[in-house]
Amino acid sequence: MKFLLASLAFALSLSACQKDETISGVSGPDDQWLLVRMNDVPVETPITLTFPETGRLAGQAPCNSYFGEQTAPLPWFETGAVGATRRACPEMELEGRYFKAFSEMSMIERKGDTLLLSNDSGGELEYRLQ
């Protein structure tokens, strides 16, 4: 029994020491990213992205808050299903384009105060640290 408990404690201690290799490991929970360009077009309406805890993402689109998971190791980016509130506003068309582009991103890179999401089709979302 002691061996089983010691083995379990050792396994748990190893998992606690593993480095976070997702974007949460290079973007702190208080970092807020503001979208500045979507597919090479400047974005003037505030759209944000945060990584509030390991494996989670959240943000504010033009009309709605959104949230989801992001557990792929760097440099990969995969959101799975993203949930959002359901408010309507005059910027619904922009929000729809953003969510579509966001769901198509497959890579993520941080360079200083710039966060770049991209895909193999040439799509890009460029954020700046606020």
Protein backbone atom coordinates (compact mmCIF):
# COMPACT_ATOMS: atom_id res chain seq x y z
CA MET A 1 0.00 0.00 0.00
CA LYS A 2 2.83 2.40 0.85
CA PHE A 3 4.42 1.68 -2.55
CA LEU A 4 1.14 2.50 -4.33
CA LEU A 5 0.76 5.79 -2.44
CA ALA A 6 4.40 6.74 -3.05
CA SER A 7 4.03 5.96 -6.77
CA LEU A 8 0.87 8.03 -7.01
CA ALA A 9 2.50 10.98 -5.19
CA PHE A 10 5.53 10.78 -7.50
CA ALA A 11 3.34 10.70 -10.63
CA LEU A 12 1.35 13.70 -9.42
CA SER A 13 4.50 15.66 -8.62
CA LEU A 14 5.87 15.02 -12.11
CA SER A 15 2.67 16.20 -13.78
CA ALA A 16 2.68 19.36 -11.65
CA CYS A 17 6.21 20.19 -12.86
CA GLN A 18 5.49 19.85 -16.57
CA LYS A 19 5.93 23.05 -18.53
CA ASP A 20 2.79 24.52 -20.08
CA GLU A 21 3.45 24.31 -23.81
CA THR A 22 0.18 25.94 -24.89
CA ILE A 23 -0.19 29.67 -25.56
CA SER A 24 -1.15 30.03 -21.88
CA GLY A 25 2.53 29.39 -21.12
CA VAL A 26 3.64 32.55 -22.99
CA SER A 27 0.60 34.78 -22.49
CA GLY A 28 -0.33 35.52 -18.91
CA PRO A 29 -3.88 35.42 -17.55
CA ASP A 30 -3.94 39.22 -17.31
CA ASP A 31 -2.74 39.78 -20.91
CA GLN A 32 -5.45 41.18 -23.15
CA TRP A 33 -4.91 41.09 -26.91
CA LEU A 34 -6.66 43.60 -29.20
CA LEU A 35 -7.30 42.59 -32.82
CA VAL A 36 -5.67 45.14 -35.16
CA ARG A 37 -5.77 43.31 -38.53
CA MET A 38 -7.90 40.54 -39.99
CA ASN A 39 -6.58 39.06 -43.24
CA ASP A 40 -4.48 42.19 -43.91
CA VAL A 41 -7.42 44.56 -43.33
CA PRO A 42 -7.22 46.97 -40.36
CA VAL A 43 -9.91 46.44 -37.70
CA GLU A 44 -11.23 49.56 -35.96
CA THR A 45 -13.93 47.91 -33.82
CA PRO A 46 -12.58 46.51 -30.52
CA ILE A 47 -12.24 42.70 -30.53
CA THR A 48 -10.21 41.09 -27.76
CA LEU A 49 -8.68 37.73 -26.92
CA THR A 50 -7.37 36.48 -23.55
CA PHE A 51 -6.05 33.21 -22.14
CA PRO A 52 -7.43 33.38 -18.58
CA GLU A 53 -6.10 29.98 -17.49
CA THR A 54 -4.26 27.01 -18.93
CA GLY A 55 -6.18 25.55 -21.85
CA ARG A 56 -8.86 28.26 -21.92
CA LEU A 57 -9.50 31.27 -24.15
CA ALA A 58 -11.99 34.09 -23.87
CA GLY A 59 -12.65 37.43 -25.46
CA GLN A 60 -15.05 40.13 -26.51
CA ALA A 61 -16.21 40.26 -30.14
CA PRO A 62 -18.06 43.35 -31.41
CA CYS A 63 -21.34 42.18 -29.87
CA ASN A 64 -20.74 39.11 -27.76
CA SER A 65 -18.37 37.61 -25.22
CA TYR A 66 -16.87 34.30 -26.31
CA PHE A 67 -15.01 31.44 -24.64
CA GLY A 68 -13.52 28.06 -25.43
CA GLU A 69 -10.58 25.72 -25.09
CA GLN A 70 -7.10 25.88 -26.60
CA THR A 71 -4.92 22.96 -25.55
CA ALA A 72 -2.77 22.33 -28.64
CA PRO A 73 0.98 22.67 -28.01
CA LEU A 74 2.81 25.65 -29.53
CA PRO A 75 2.97 26.58 -32.35
CA TRP A 76 -0.38 24.91 -33.09
CA PHE A 77 -3.71 26.53 -32.37
CA GLU A 78 -6.99 24.63 -32.18
CA THR A 79 -10.11 25.95 -30.51
CA GLY A 80 -12.67 23.20 -30.89
CA ALA A 81 -16.16 24.53 -30.18
CA VAL A 82 -16.28 28.19 -29.17
CA GLY A 83 -19.28 29.40 -27.19
CA ALA A 84 -20.63 32.94 -27.19
CA THR A 85 -23.39 35.03 -25.70
CA ARG A 86 -26.27 35.84 -28.06
CA ARG A 87 -26.70 39.60 -28.28
CA ALA A 88 -27.41 41.44 -31.51
CA CYS A 89 -25.76 44.71 -32.50
CA PRO A 90 -24.97 46.74 -35.64
CA GLU A 91 -21.59 44.95 -35.98
CA MET A 92 -23.02 41.42 -36.44
CA GLU A 93 -21.51 41.08 -39.93
CA LEU A 94 -18.00 41.86 -38.63
CA GLU A 95 -18.50 39.50 -35.71
CA GLY A 96 -19.53 36.69 -38.07
CA ARG A 97 -16.43 37.24 -40.21
CA TYR A 98 -14.25 37.27 -37.09
CA PHE A 99 -15.66 34.03 -35.68
CA LYS A 100 -15.30 32.32 -39.07
CA ALA A 101 -11.68 33.46 -39.43
CA PHE A 102 -10.91 32.62 -35.78
CA SER A 103 -12.22 29.06 -36.20
CA GLU A 104 -9.97 28.55 -39.26
CA MET A 105 -6.68 29.45 -37.51
CA SER A 106 -4.21 26.61 -36.93
CA MET A 107 -0.96 28.27 -35.78
CA ILE A 108 -0.12 30.85 -33.13
CA GLU A 109 3.02 32.90 -32.53
CA ARG A 110 3.92 35.60 -30.03
CA LYS A 111 6.57 38.18 -30.83
CA GLY A 112 6.83 40.73 -28.05
CA ASP A 113 3.58 42.67 -27.95
CA THR A 114 2.23 41.03 -31.14
CA LEU A 115 0.21 37.81 -31.29
CA LEU A 116 -0.34 36.28 -34.72
CA LEU A 117 -2.85 33.55 -35.53
CA SER A 118 -2.53 32.07 -39.01
CA ASN A 119 -3.41 29.11 -41.22
CA ASP A 120 -2.05 27.34 -44.29
CA SER A 121 -4.53 29.20 -46.54
CA GLY A 122 -2.90 32.56 -45.79
CA GLY A 123 -5.48 33.73 -43.26
CA GLU A 124 -4.16 35.88 -40.41
CA LEU A 125 -5.44 37.54 -37.28
CA GLU A 126 -3.00 40.03 -35.78
CA TYR A 127 -3.42 41.17 -32.17
CA ARG A 128 -1.51 43.70 -30.04
CA LEU A 129 -1.04 43.50 -26.32
CA GLN A 130 -3.11 46.18 -24.56
